[in-house]
Amino acid sequence: MIPSRMRTEISGNTLVLTRGIDACLWLFPPEEWSRITDNLMDSTSPFSARARLIQRRIIGPAQEVEIDRAGRINVPPSLRDYAGLKKEAVILGIKRYIEIWDEEMYAIYWKENEGAFQEAAEELGGIVSF
């Protein structure tokens, strides 16, 4: 279920769902997805093994999903398996897209990455001001 405050930011009832870089799913508005895929395809060559790898991992499994009246989306089994979605999910709004995590996987991710987060936050200290 997409939280209501996130749904108010989405125009229409169709989104694009695909594999994320980490063990999560990414959910994009169609216009943002189109921009990303156009940029990726325009800046790479099908003769590049690395480009094909990214295209197969991110673009290939993408599927359009509809938000029903209750704010739910149907996550296809292949994407559900990839993200390890079981019962409870964590849904994160990341400005231009949404991440969907299995609750347990998200907790594990943070345990494994807390140190890296601290370093990244330190680096951003010179870029971001409040």
Protein backbone atom coordinates (compact mmCIF):
# COMPACT_ATOMS: atom_id res chain seq x y z
CA MET A 1 0.00 0.00 0.00
CA ILE A 2 1.38 3.40 -0.99
CA PRO A 3 0.97 5.89 1.90
CA SER A 4 -1.65 8.55 1.18
CA ARG A 5 0.80 11.46 1.54
CA MET A 6 2.93 9.89 -1.22
CA ARG A 7 -0.10 9.21 -3.41
CA THR A 8 -0.97 12.91 -3.41
CA GLU A 9 2.36 13.59 -5.15
CA ILE A 10 1.65 11.08 -7.93
CA SER A 11 -0.27 12.16 -11.00
CA GLY A 12 -2.37 9.38 -12.44
CA ASN A 13 -2.65 5.85 -11.17
CA THR A 14 0.15 4.11 -13.10
CA LEU A 15 3.73 3.70 -11.90
CA VAL A 16 6.77 1.75 -13.11
CA LEU A 17 8.20 -0.83 -10.72
CA THR A 18 11.68 -2.34 -11.15
CA ARG A 19 14.66 -3.76 -9.29
CA GLY A 20 16.66 -1.28 -7.25
CA ILE A 21 20.42 -1.27 -6.86
CA ASP A 22 20.20 -2.65 -3.32
CA ALA A 23 17.82 -5.40 -2.21
CA CYS A 24 14.80 -3.18 -2.79
CA LEU A 25 12.37 -2.19 -5.50
CA TRP A 26 12.14 1.20 -7.17
CA LEU A 27 8.83 2.76 -8.09
CA PHE A 28 8.81 5.65 -10.58
CA PRO A 29 6.18 7.90 -12.12
CA PRO A 30 6.05 7.06 -15.86
CA GLU A 31 7.49 10.42 -16.94
CA GLU A 32 10.48 10.08 -14.59
CA TRP A 33 11.03 6.48 -15.73
CA SER A 34 10.95 7.59 -19.35
CA ARG A 35 13.54 10.31 -18.64
CA ILE A 36 15.85 7.84 -16.88
CA THR A 37 15.60 5.14 -19.55
CA ASP A 38 16.02 7.66 -22.38
CA ASN A 39 19.16 9.06 -20.71
CA LEU A 40 20.54 5.58 -20.08
CA MET A 41 19.87 4.33 -23.58
CA ASP A 42 21.13 7.53 -25.26
CA SER A 43 24.39 7.54 -23.31
CA THR A 44 25.33 3.87 -23.73
CA SER A 45 26.02 1.44 -26.52
CA PRO A 46 24.54 -2.03 -26.92
CA PHE A 47 28.12 -3.09 -27.68
CA SER A 48 29.19 -2.29 -24.12
CA ALA A 49 28.96 -5.26 -21.75
CA ARG A 50 28.59 -2.97 -18.73
CA ALA A 51 25.77 -1.02 -20.37
CA ARG A 52 23.92 -4.23 -21.25
CA LEU A 53 24.32 -5.42 -17.67
CA ILE A 54 22.71 -2.25 -16.29
CA GLN A 55 19.96 -2.34 -18.92
CA ARG A 56 19.15 -5.96 -18.12
CA ARG A 57 19.18 -5.40 -14.38
CA ILE A 58 17.21 -2.13 -14.21
CA ILE A 59 15.23 -1.67 -17.43
CA GLY A 60 14.54 -5.30 -18.34
CA PRO A 61 12.47 -6.30 -15.29
CA ALA A 62 10.49 -3.04 -15.17
CA GLN A 63 6.72 -3.41 -15.17
CA GLU A 64 3.87 -0.94 -15.11
CA VAL A 65 1.65 -1.27 -12.06
CA GLU A 66 -1.61 0.44 -11.22
CA ILE A 67 -2.56 1.99 -7.92
CA ASP A 68 -6.02 0.74 -6.97
CA ARG A 69 -8.64 2.82 -5.13
CA ALA A 70 -7.25 1.69 -1.75
CA GLY A 71 -3.74 2.86 -2.71
CA ARG A 72 -2.34 -0.62 -3.26
CA ILE A 73 -0.14 -1.94 -6.02
CA ASN A 74 0.30 -5.52 -7.11
CA VAL A 75 3.99 -6.49 -6.94
CA PRO A 76 4.70 -9.21 -9.53
CA PRO A 77 6.17 -12.43 -8.04
CA SER A 78 9.56 -12.03 -9.78
CA LEU A 79 10.09 -8.58 -8.24
CA ARG A 80 8.67 -9.67 -4.87
CA ASP A 81 11.19 -12.54 -4.81
CA TYR A 82 14.07 -10.25 -5.80
CA ALA A 83 13.37 -7.88 -2.89
CA GLY A 84 12.57 -10.71 -0.46
CA LEU A 85 9.18 -9.15 0.31
CA LYS A 86 7.37 -11.25 2.85
CA LYS A 87 4.79 -9.62 5.08
CA GLU A 88 5.74 -6.12 6.26
CA ALA A 89 7.36 -3.56 3.97
CA VAL A 90 9.16 -0.26 4.43
CA ILE A 91 8.22 2.39 1.88
CA LEU A 92 10.57 5.34 1.43
CA GLY A 93 9.84 8.46 -0.60
CA ILE A 94 13.11 9.56 -2.22
CA LYS A 95 12.00 12.80 -4.00
CA ARG A 96 11.72 11.41 -7.56
CA TYR A 97 11.01 7.77 -6.77
CA ILE A 98 9.87 5.39 -4.04
CA GLU A 99 11.82 2.49 -2.55
CA ILE A 100 10.08 -0.63 -1.28
CA TRP A 101 11.99 -2.83 1.17
CA ASP A 102 11.18 -5.95 3.11
CA GLU A 103 11.16 -4.78 6.73
CA GLU A 104 13.78 -7.30 7.88
CA MET A 105 16.02 -6.68 4.85
CA TYR A 106 15.90 -2.94 5.53
CA ALA A 107 16.99 -3.45 9.15
CA ILE A 108 19.87 -5.65 7.98
CA TYR A 109 20.85 -3.06 5.36
CA TRP A 110 21.11 -0.34 8.03
CA LYS A 111 23.12 -2.53 10.40
CA GLU A 112 25.59 -3.27 7.61
CA ASN A 113 25.79 0.33 6.36
CA GLU A 114 25.63 2.56 9.41
CA GLY A 115 29.39 3.23 9.30
CA ALA A 116 29.26 4.10 5.60
CA PHE A 117 26.32 6.41 6.30
CA GLN A 118 28.29 8.27 8.95
CA GLU A 119 31.17 8.78 6.49
CA ALA A 120 28.80 9.92 3.72
CA ALA A 121 27.06 12.35 6.07
CA GLU A 122 30.45 13.76 7.07
CA GLU A 123 31.34 14.31 3.40
CA LEU A 124 28.04 16.10 2.77
CA GLY A 125 28.75 18.49 5.63
CA GLY A 126 30.48 20.86 3.19
CA ILE A 127 27.76 20.56 0.55
CA VAL A 128 24.51 20.74 2.50
CA SER A 129 23.70 23.55 4.86
CA PHE A 130 20.64 23.98 7.06
